[in-house]
Amino acid sequence: MYAVIRTGGKQYRVAPGDVVKIESVAAENQTVEFSDVLAVSGEPGSVVKPASARVTAEVLGEGRGNKILVFHLKRKKQYKKLQGHRQNFTEVRIKAIEADGVTYTTAK
């Protein structure tokens, strides 16, 4: 069982119990709810677009990613520029996927 969600301009394939690093989101009381669900796979071999679906997750922590170096160069002009960037992220664990009245959680 998995779902495809969209958050922060990116799409993620998530299943209950997965730990995912997503773009920074504001979370109240350490839970996040994603309502932009693009597809859900309830049984093997079938992927459908649900009429109503949501994914709930708990926030594990926040941080900053690895440094990405951006290098600019103009040939024959003696111009070079190096710039670093670290993107903020929020680490979440998927708790449940609810699609069309059916709830999928982690097997305990």
C-alpha atoms as a PDB file:
ATOM      1  CA  MET A   1       0.000   0.000   0.000  1.00  0.00           C
ATOM      2  CA  TYR A   2       1.446   3.355  -1.027  1.00  0.00           C
ATOM      3  CA  ALA A   3       0.393   6.839  -2.039  1.00  0.00           C
ATOM      4  CA  VAL A   4       1.900   9.604  -4.152  1.00  0.00           C
ATOM      5  CA  ILE A   5       1.732  13.005  -2.451  1.00  0.00           C
ATOM      6  CA  ARG A   6       2.764  16.483  -3.561  1.00  0.00           C
ATOM      7  CA  THR A   7       4.379  18.915  -1.127  1.00  0.00           C
ATOM      8  CA  GLY A   8       6.897  21.694  -1.575  1.00  0.00           C
ATOM      9  CA  GLY A   9       6.742  21.460  -5.372  1.00  0.00           C
ATOM     10  CA  LYS A  10       7.926  17.837  -5.354  1.00  0.00           C
ATOM     11  CA  GLN A  11       6.182  14.473  -5.478  1.00  0.00           C
ATOM     12  CA  TYR A  12       6.931  11.629  -3.068  1.00  0.00           C
ATOM     13  CA  ARG A  13       5.922   7.961  -3.074  1.00  0.00           C
ATOM     14  CA  VAL A  14       5.159   7.112   0.549  1.00  0.00           C
ATOM     15  CA  ALA A  15       3.925   4.082   2.469  1.00  0.00           C
ATOM     16  CA  PRO A  16       2.941   3.770   6.145  1.00  0.00           C
ATOM     17  CA  GLY A  17       6.090   3.648   8.262  1.00  0.00           C
ATOM     18  CA  ASP A  18       8.362   5.399   5.728  1.00  0.00           C
ATOM     19  CA  VAL A  19      10.690   8.190   6.867  1.00  0.00           C
ATOM     20  CA  VAL A  20      10.901  10.989   4.285  1.00  0.00           C
ATOM     21  CA  LYS A  21      12.825  14.283   4.146  1.00  0.00           C
ATOM     22  CA  ILE A  22      10.543  16.932   2.649  1.00  0.00           C
ATOM     23  CA  GLU A  23      10.728  20.688   2.155  1.00  0.00           C
ATOM     24  CA  SER A  24      10.252  22.648   5.396  1.00  0.00           C
ATOM     25  CA  VAL A  25       6.654  22.775   6.599  1.00  0.00           C
ATOM     26  CA  ALA A  26       5.110  24.396   9.648  1.00  0.00           C
ATOM     27  CA  ALA A  27       3.767  21.701  11.967  1.00  0.00           C
ATOM     28  CA  GLU A  28       1.495  22.213  14.920  1.00  0.00           C
ATOM     29  CA  ASN A  29       1.728  19.616  17.713  1.00  0.00           C
ATOM     30  CA  GLN A  30       4.255  17.519  15.724  1.00  0.00           C
ATOM     31  CA  THR A  31       1.776  16.193  13.129  1.00  0.00           C
ATOM     32  CA  VAL A  32       1.435  17.083   9.454  1.00  0.00           C
ATOM     33  CA  GLU A  33      -1.480  16.272   7.175  1.00  0.00           C
ATOM     34  CA  PHE A  34      -1.075  16.115   3.399  1.00  0.00           C
ATOM     35  CA  SER A  35      -4.317  16.524   1.471  1.00  0.00           C
ATOM     36  CA  ASP A  36      -2.782  16.787  -2.017  1.00  0.00           C
ATOM     37  CA  VAL A  37      -2.751  13.052  -2.809  1.00  0.00           C
ATOM     38  CA  LEU A  38      -2.212  12.285  -6.491  1.00  0.00           C
ATOM     39  CA  ALA A  39      -2.574   8.484  -6.527  1.00  0.00           C
ATOM     40  CA  VAL A  40      -3.189   5.573  -4.174  1.00  0.00           C
ATOM     41  CA  SER A  41      -2.365   1.881  -4.585  1.00  0.00           C
ATOM     42  CA  GLY A  42      -4.488  -0.209  -2.247  1.00  0.00           C
ATOM     43  CA  GLU A  43      -3.840  -3.610  -3.792  1.00  0.00           C
ATOM     44  CA  PRO A  44      -0.880  -4.864  -5.845  1.00  0.00           C
ATOM     45  CA  GLY A  45      -1.051  -3.932  -9.519  1.00  0.00           C
ATOM     46  CA  SER A  46      -3.626  -1.131  -9.303  1.00  0.00           C
ATOM     47  CA  VAL A  47      -3.111   2.608  -8.974  1.00  0.00           C
ATOM     48  CA  VAL A  48      -6.147   4.907  -8.795  1.00  0.00           C
ATOM     49  CA  LYS A  49      -6.825   8.594  -8.243  1.00  0.00           C
ATOM     50  CA  PRO A  50      -8.941   8.777  -5.087  1.00  0.00           C
ATOM     51  CA  ALA A  51     -11.959  11.042  -4.710  1.00  0.00           C
ATOM     52  CA  SER A  52     -10.893  12.018  -1.196  1.00  0.00           C
ATOM     53  CA  ALA A  53      -7.624  11.085   0.450  1.00  0.00           C
ATOM     54  CA  ARG A  54      -5.187  12.346   3.048  1.00  0.00           C
ATOM     55  CA  VAL A  55      -1.878  11.250   4.495  1.00  0.00           C
ATOM     56  CA  THR A  56      -0.938  11.931   8.120  1.00  0.00           C
ATOM     57  CA  ALA A  57       2.637  12.028   9.368  1.00  0.00           C
ATOM     58  CA  GLU A  58       4.540  12.820  12.544  1.00  0.00           C
ATOM     59  CA  VAL A  59       7.491  15.208  12.563  1.00  0.00           C
ATOM     60  CA  LEU A  60      10.775  13.617  13.638  1.00  0.00           C
ATOM     61  CA  GLY A  61      12.986  16.672  13.272  1.00  0.00           C
ATOM     62  CA  GLU A  62      14.223  19.522  11.155  1.00  0.00           C
ATOM     63  CA  GLY A  63      17.604  20.252   9.679  1.00  0.00           C
ATOM     64  CA  ARG A  64      19.617  21.430   6.730  1.00  0.00           C
ATOM     65  CA  GLY A  65      20.789  19.328   3.819  1.00  0.00           C
ATOM     66  CA  ASN A  66      24.284  18.903   2.422  1.00  0.00           C
ATOM     67  CA  LYS A  67      25.958  21.884   0.809  1.00  0.00           C
ATOM     68  CA  ILE A  68      25.409  22.216  -2.911  1.00  0.00           C
ATOM     69  CA  LEU A  69      28.086  24.195  -4.732  1.00  0.00           C
ATOM     70  CA  VAL A  70      26.949  26.484  -7.549  1.00  0.00           C
ATOM     71  CA  PHE A  71      29.804  27.459  -9.861  1.00  0.00           C
ATOM     72  CA  HIS A  72      29.574  30.273 -12.425  1.00  0.00           C
ATOM     73  CA  LEU A  73      32.220  30.788 -15.077  1.00  0.00           C
ATOM     74  CA  LYS A  74      32.508  33.163 -18.015  1.00  0.00           C
ATOM     75  CA  ARG A  75      35.148  31.980 -20.432  1.00  0.00           C
ATOM     76  CA  LYS A  76      37.876  34.364 -21.541  1.00  0.00           C
ATOM     77  CA  LYS A  77      36.660  37.046 -19.111  1.00  0.00           C
ATOM     78  CA  GLN A  78      38.554  35.898 -15.995  1.00  0.00           C
ATOM     79  CA  TYR A  79      35.273  35.658 -14.076  1.00  0.00           C
ATOM     80  CA  LYS A  80      34.617  32.842 -11.603  1.00  0.00           C
ATOM     81  CA  LYS A  81      32.113  32.714  -8.752  1.00  0.00           C
ATOM     82  CA  LEU A  82      31.458  29.932  -6.232  1.00  0.00           C
ATOM     83  CA  GLN A  83      28.310  29.962  -4.146  1.00  0.00           C
ATOM     84  CA  GLY A  84      27.113  27.452  -1.540  1.00  0.00           C
ATOM     85  CA  HIS A  85      23.540  26.559  -0.622  1.00  0.00           C
ATOM     86  CA  ARG A  86      21.986  24.348   2.073  1.00  0.00           C
ATOM     87  CA  GLN A  87      18.265  23.595   1.783  1.00  0.00           C
ATOM     88  CA  ASN A  88      16.110  23.340   4.907  1.00  0.00           C
ATOM     89  CA  PHE A  89      14.131  20.112   5.363  1.00  0.00           C
ATOM     90  CA  THR A  90      11.650  18.502   7.725  1.00  0.00           C
ATOM     91  CA  GLU A  91      11.947  14.785   8.441  1.00  0.00           C
ATOM     92  CA  VAL A  92       8.578  13.025   8.820  1.00  0.00           C
ATOM     93  CA  ARG A  93       7.365   9.457   9.439  1.00  0.00           C
ATOM     94  CA  ILE A  94       4.194   8.453   7.610  1.00  0.00           C
ATOM     95  CA  LYS A  95       1.598   7.188  10.107  1.00  0.00           C
ATOM     96  CA  ALA A  96      -1.525   6.537   8.052  1.00  0.00           C
ATOM     97  CA  ILE A  97      -2.992   6.815   4.572  1.00  0.00           C
ATOM     98  CA  GLU A  98      -6.742   7.330   4.363  1.00  0.00           C
ATOM     99  CA  ALA A  99      -8.348   7.016   0.926  1.00  0.00           C
ATOM    100  CA  ASP A 100     -12.083   6.888   0.195  1.00  0.00           C
ATOM    101  CA  GLY A 101     -12.948   5.847   3.746  1.00  0.00           C
ATOM    102  CA  VAL A 102     -10.321   3.068   4.027  1.00  0.00           C
ATOM    103  CA  THR A 103      -7.391   3.634   6.391  1.00  0.00           C
ATOM    104  CA  TYR A 104      -4.005   1.952   5.924  1.00  0.00           C
ATOM    105  CA  THR A 105      -1.503   2.004   8.806  1.00  0.00           C
ATOM    106  CA  THR A 106       1.734   0.216   9.630  1.00  0.00           C
ATOM    107  CA  ALA A 107       1.520  -3.480  10.453  1.00  0.00           C
ATOM    108  CA  LYS A 108       2.430  -3.999  14.093  1.00  0.00           C
END
